[in-house]
Protein backbone atom coordinates (compact mmCIF):
# COMPACT_ATOMS: atom_id res chain seq x y z
CA MET A 1 99.04 113.29 83.58
CA ILE A 2 98.29 116.13 85.98
CA ALA A 3 96.52 115.48 89.31
CA ARG A 4 94.52 117.90 91.45
CA VAL A 5 92.53 117.67 94.69
CA HIS A 6 89.49 119.96 94.51
CA ARG A 7 88.29 122.11 97.37
CA PRO A 8 86.31 120.17 99.98
CA CYS A 9 82.53 120.42 99.77
CA ARG A 10 79.61 118.71 101.51
CA SER A 11 77.42 118.22 98.45
CA PHE A 12 77.87 115.21 96.19
CA THR A 13 75.58 116.82 93.62
CA GLY A 14 77.80 119.89 93.73
CA ALA A 15 80.97 117.83 93.23
CA LEU A 16 79.44 116.01 90.26
CA GLY A 17 78.29 119.32 88.81
CA GLU A 18 81.77 120.79 89.23
CA ALA A 19 83.20 117.83 87.31
CA PHE A 20 81.10 118.94 84.33
CA ASP A 21 81.56 122.70 84.84
CA GLY A 22 77.91 123.04 85.86
CA ALA A 23 76.63 121.61 82.56
CA LEU A 24 75.06 118.53 84.20
CA ALA A 25 71.47 118.91 85.44
CA PRO A 26 70.60 116.93 88.62
CA ASP A 27 67.78 115.00 86.87
CA GLU A 28 69.62 114.43 83.60
CA ASN A 29 70.19 110.80 82.65
CA LEU A 30 73.88 109.98 82.52
CA ALA A 31 75.18 108.55 79.27
CA ASP A 32 76.72 105.10 79.32
CA ASP A 33 80.22 106.45 78.75
CA ILE A 34 80.10 109.03 81.58
CA ILE A 35 80.26 106.64 84.54
CA LEU A 36 83.60 104.94 84.05
CA VAL A 37 83.97 102.74 87.14
CA HIS A 38 82.52 102.73 90.66
CA SER A 39 82.39 100.94 93.99
CA PRO A 40 80.01 97.97 94.38
CA GLY A 41 76.30 98.71 94.69
CA LEU A 42 75.73 101.19 91.90
CA SER A 43 74.98 98.57 89.24
CA ALA A 44 71.90 96.36 89.22
CA ASP A 45 72.52 92.70 88.35
CA GLY A 46 75.41 93.69 86.13
CA ASP A 47 73.18 95.79 83.90
CA ARG A 48 73.26 99.42 85.00
CA PRO A 49 69.96 101.24 84.57
CA ARG A 50 69.76 104.87 83.62
CA TRP A 51 71.07 106.88 86.55
CA THR A 52 70.83 110.64 87.03
CA SER A 53 73.47 112.66 88.85
CA ARG A 54 70.96 113.00 91.71
CA ASP A 55 70.68 109.19 91.91
CA VAL A 56 74.45 108.84 92.02
CA ALA A 57 74.74 111.57 94.67
CA GLU A 58 72.13 109.89 96.88
CA HIS A 59 73.88 106.54 96.49
CA LEU A 60 77.21 108.05 97.52
CA ALA A 61 75.70 109.91 100.50
CA ALA A 62 73.81 106.89 101.92
CA PRO A 63 76.47 105.67 104.44
CA ALA A 64 76.84 109.12 106.03
CA ARG A 65 73.05 109.51 106.37
CA ARG A 66 72.58 105.98 107.64
CA HIS A 67 75.09 106.39 110.47
CA ALA A 68 74.39 110.05 111.29
CA GLN A 69 73.15 110.57 114.87
CA GLY A 70 72.37 114.23 114.35
CA PRO A 71 73.53 116.96 112.00
CA LEU A 72 76.20 115.88 109.54
CA PRO A 73 79.76 116.58 110.79
CA GLU A 74 81.42 119.86 110.00
CA GLN A 75 84.33 118.09 108.29
CA PRO A 76 83.79 117.70 104.55
CA LEU A 77 82.32 114.36 103.52
CA VAL A 78 83.10 114.66 99.81
CA PHE A 79 86.50 113.81 98.37
CA HIS A 80 86.98 115.04 94.80
CA PRO A 81 90.30 114.55 92.98
CA SER A 82 90.76 114.73 89.24
CA VAL A 83 93.45 114.01 86.68
CA ARG A 84 93.85 115.24 83.14
CA LEU A 85 96.18 114.30 80.35
CA HIS A 86 99.06 116.49 79.29
CA PRO A 87 98.40 118.14 75.90
CA ASP A 88 101.14 115.98 74.36
CA ASP A 89 99.77 112.69 75.79
CA ARG A 90 97.88 110.18 73.69
CA GLU A 91 94.25 109.48 74.55
CA LEU A 92 93.67 106.52 76.86
CA THR A 93 91.36 103.60 76.34
CA ARG A 94 88.40 103.01 78.66
CA ALA A 95 90.26 100.13 80.30
CA GLU A 96 93.30 102.35 80.96
CA TRP A 97 91.10 105.08 82.46
CA SER A 98 89.39 102.48 84.67
CA GLN A 99 92.76 101.25 85.87
CA THR A 100 93.81 104.83 86.58
CA ALA A 101 90.64 105.48 88.62
CA ARG A 102 91.11 102.34 90.74
CA ARG A 103 94.74 103.13 91.44
CA LEU A 104 93.90 106.70 92.50
CA ALA A 105 91.10 105.43 94.74
CA ARG A 106 93.48 103.01 96.46
CA ALA A 107 96.20 105.66 96.79
CA ALA A 108 93.71 108.06 98.40
CA GLY A 109 92.82 105.52 101.09
CA ILE A 110 89.15 105.15 100.16
CA THR A 111 89.39 101.58 98.82
CA PRO A 112 91.91 99.58 100.87
CA PRO A 113 92.48 96.16 99.23
CA GLY A 114 90.08 93.51 100.51
CA ASP A 115 88.08 95.96 102.67
CA LYS A 116 84.35 95.26 102.27
CA GLN A 117 83.44 98.30 104.38
CA ALA A 118 85.33 100.78 102.20
CA CYS A 119 84.02 104.12 100.95
CA ARG A 120 81.52 104.54 98.13
CA TRP A 121 82.98 106.25 95.09
CA VAL A 122 82.42 106.81 91.40
CA ALA A 123 84.73 107.85 88.56
CA VAL A 124 83.25 109.95 85.77
CA GLN A 125 84.59 111.45 82.57
CA SER A 126 83.59 114.92 81.48
CA GLY A 127 85.69 114.57 78.35
CA PRO A 128 88.11 112.17 76.69
CA ARG A 129 91.12 113.67 78.49
CA TRP A 130 89.67 114.16 81.99
CA LEU A 131 88.86 111.87 84.91
CA HIS A 132 87.00 112.95 88.07
CA LEU A 133 86.64 110.77 91.16
CA VAL A 134 83.94 111.60 93.72
CA ALA A 135 83.88 109.66 97.01
CA ASN A 136 82.16 109.68 100.38
CA LEU A 137 84.77 109.81 103.15
CA ILE A 138 82.35 108.05 105.52
CA ARG A 139 82.80 104.30 105.10
CA GLU A 140 80.05 101.69 105.05
CA ASP A 141 80.67 100.95 108.76
CA GLY A 142 80.21 104.62 109.69
CA THR A 143 83.88 105.39 110.39
CA ARG A 144 85.85 108.01 108.53
CA ALA A 145 88.39 106.97 105.91
CA ARG A 146 92.03 107.22 106.95
CA GLN A 147 93.79 109.06 104.17
CA PRO A 148 97.54 109.41 103.70
CA TYR A 149 99.47 112.26 105.26
CA ARG A 150 100.17 115.03 102.72
CA LEU A 151 97.46 113.65 100.47
CA PRO A 152 97.98 115.98 97.44
CA ALA A 153 101.67 115.10 97.27
CA HIS A 154 100.83 111.41 97.67
CA LEU A 155 98.33 111.53 94.79
CA LEU A 156 100.78 113.48 92.64
CA SER A 157 103.38 110.74 93.16
CA GLU A 158 100.85 108.06 92.25
CA SER A 159 99.75 109.95 89.14
CA ARG A 160 103.37 110.13 88.06
CA ARG A 161 103.75 106.36 88.51
CA ILE A 162 100.56 105.77 86.51
CA ALA A 163 101.78 108.05 83.74
CA SER A 164 105.10 106.23 83.63
CA ASP A 165 103.39 102.82 83.51
CA LEU A 166 101.15 103.97 80.64
CA GLY A 167 103.99 105.53 78.70
CA LEU A 168 102.69 109.09 79.19
CA ARG A 169 104.52 112.29 79.95
CA VAL A 170 105.34 112.44 83.65
CA ALA A 171 104.37 115.74 85.30
CA GLY A 172 107.42 117.70 86.36
CA SER A 173 109.87 115.58 84.38
CA THR A 174 112.19 116.92 81.71
CA THR A 175 113.27 115.29 78.52
CA ASP A 176 116.02 117.63 77.37
CA GLY A 177 118.32 117.57 80.35
CA PRO A 178 118.50 119.55 83.60
CA GLN A 179 118.15 122.92 81.86
CA SER A 180 114.75 122.11 80.34
CA VAL A 181 111.85 124.37 81.32
CA GLN A 182 108.77 122.69 82.77
CA ASP A 183 105.70 122.79 80.52
CA PRO A 184 103.56 125.85 81.43
CA ALA A 185 100.34 123.79 81.61
CA VAL A 186 101.93 121.35 84.08
CA ALA A 187 103.44 124.12 86.17
CA GLY A 188 100.21 126.15 86.22
CA ALA A 189 98.07 123.20 87.31
CA ALA A 190 100.54 122.25 90.05
CA GLN A 191 100.69 125.79 91.44
CA ALA A 192 96.89 126.11 91.26
CA THR A 193 96.56 122.94 93.37
CA LEU A 194 98.97 124.36 95.94
CA LEU A 195 97.06 127.65 96.15
CA HIS A 196 93.73 125.84 96.50
CA ARG A 197 95.13 123.86 99.43
CA LEU A 198 96.52 126.98 101.11
CA ALA A 199 93.24 128.88 100.78
CA GLU A 200 90.75 126.09 101.64
CA GLU A 201 87.94 127.64 103.66
CA SER A 202 87.24 124.59 105.84
CA ASN A 203 90.60 123.05 106.78
CA GLY A 204 93.36 124.93 104.95
CA PRO A 205 96.32 126.37 106.88
CA LEU A 206 95.17 129.98 106.42
CA ALA A 207 91.68 129.09 107.62
CA GLU A 208 93.14 127.52 110.77
CA VAL A 209 95.28 130.60 111.48
CA ARG A 210 92.25 132.87 110.93
CA ARG A 211 90.14 130.81 113.36
CA LEU A 212 92.86 131.02 116.02
CA VAL A 213 93.16 134.79 115.58
CA GLU A 214 89.37 135.15 115.90
CA GLN A 215 89.39 133.05 119.08
CA VAL A 216 92.14 135.19 120.64
CA ALA A 217 90.25 138.36 119.69
CA TYR A 218 87.14 137.01 121.40
CA HIS A 219 89.01 136.18 124.63
CA VAL A 220 91.07 139.38 124.94
CA ALA A 221 87.91 141.45 124.58
CA ASP A 222 86.90 140.23 128.07
CA LEU A 223 90.02 141.58 129.80
CA PRO A 224 89.18 143.98 132.65
CA ASP A 225 89.45 147.78 132.45
CA GLY A 226 89.01 147.70 128.67
CA ARG A 227 92.65 146.70 128.17
CA GLY A 228 91.69 144.17 125.52
CA ASN A 229 89.52 146.42 123.38
CA GLU A 230 92.32 147.80 121.23
CA ALA A 231 94.02 144.42 120.92
CA GLY A 232 90.70 142.81 120.03
CA ARG A 233 90.02 145.34 117.27
CA ARG A 234 93.49 144.82 115.79
CA LEU A 235 93.06 141.05 115.87
CA GLU A 236 89.64 141.26 114.21
CA TRP A 237 91.14 143.42 111.48
CA ALA A 238 93.95 140.88 111.04
CA ALA A 239 91.35 138.08 110.69
CA ARG A 240 89.52 140.07 108.00
CA ARG A 241 92.78 140.56 106.10
CA LEU A 242 93.48 136.82 106.30
CA PHE A 243 90.03 136.14 104.86
CA ALA A 244 90.69 138.61 102.03
CA LEU A 245 94.01 136.86 101.38
CA GLN A 246 92.20 133.51 101.14
CA GLN A 247 89.81 134.97 98.57
CA ASP A 248 92.67 136.46 96.55
CA LEU A 249 94.51 133.13 96.51
CA GLN A 250 91.36 131.26 95.45
CA ALA A 251 90.79 133.72 92.61
CA THR A 252 94.40 133.33 91.48
CA ALA A 253 94.18 129.54 91.65
CA SER A 254 90.98 129.53 89.59
CA SER A 255 92.63 131.77 87.02
CA LEU A 256 95.58 129.36 86.79
CA ASP A 257 93.14 126.46 86.41
CA ARG A 258 91.38 128.14 83.50
CA ALA A 259 94.69 128.96 81.83
CA ALA A 260 95.88 125.36 82.20
CA ARG A 261 92.66 124.06 80.60
CA ARG A 262 93.03 126.19 77.48
CA PRO A 263 94.64 124.32 74.59
CA PRO A 264 98.08 125.59 73.70
CA ALA A 265 98.08 128.16 70.93
CA ALA A 266 99.45 126.91 67.66
CA SER A 267 102.88 128.30 67.02
CA GLN A 268 103.04 130.49 63.97
CA VAL A 269 106.11 130.48 61.77
CA PRO A 270 106.84 134.01 60.59
CA ALA A 271 106.80 134.45 56.86
CA PRO A 272 110.26 135.00 55.41
CA SER A 273 110.99 138.60 54.61
CA PRO A 274 111.46 139.40 50.94
CA ALA A 275 115.02 139.31 49.81
CA ALA A 276 116.67 142.66 49.38
CA PRO A 277 117.45 143.59 45.75
CA VAL A 278 121.00 143.02 44.68
CA HIS A 279 122.69 146.01 43.08
CA ARG A 280 125.55 145.12 40.83
CA SER A 281 128.26 147.59 40.23
CA ARG A 282 128.97 148.42 36.64
């Protein structure tokens, strides 16, 4: 089981669309097996009607809109992690996927046990080996969810515990001793997650450095006698290079994601070469 935290976004419709690689129309009715499990309030008297992705997005966004006193905050409201099975894992039952979704939601800090004011969230399946969780980080009482420090690492640890409990392959583990090589799909997904976190446009470490450099460039430009002009130009150029680095890292991470999603190529056994003729001496 391989976990990933997707890039922050402010659109619940966008997060749901990303879960289905853009193949889900906003007004398309969701099949019964797409919505796996969700926070209270999405069902009606225990018998869920036909919901569209737009309906689900509006339901998730309601607490943030209800408590907003102006424009929505700049911090992302949407939390979107996902997990997928290792190619060698068995397929899970619906009950096992539901258990996995609830455990990830608790580990992410959006559904503390016994908290009736917790975040709204929904778990959907875009395929039999994928699980996406989309949540509103604004709780029912209008406060922001308190998530664990080093969230991606925390979710990775929880996904490993879930995999172990379900008898699945644990990401990063080896079965042939300390010299075993990690599976390429596991390694690629893990490195893609790291690159996505580094290059996040809103709150990634590179974005924070770029903002600080831009602020310094703005302030030194006001130094008297034009002493800050040259320094300001160099700082602006450095900020542009940081932005280009973010874009390069995002492109690399997306490439690793696509490679990890491709099924492993079937190994081909080379045909035996024809035996050389035997020449007997007379």
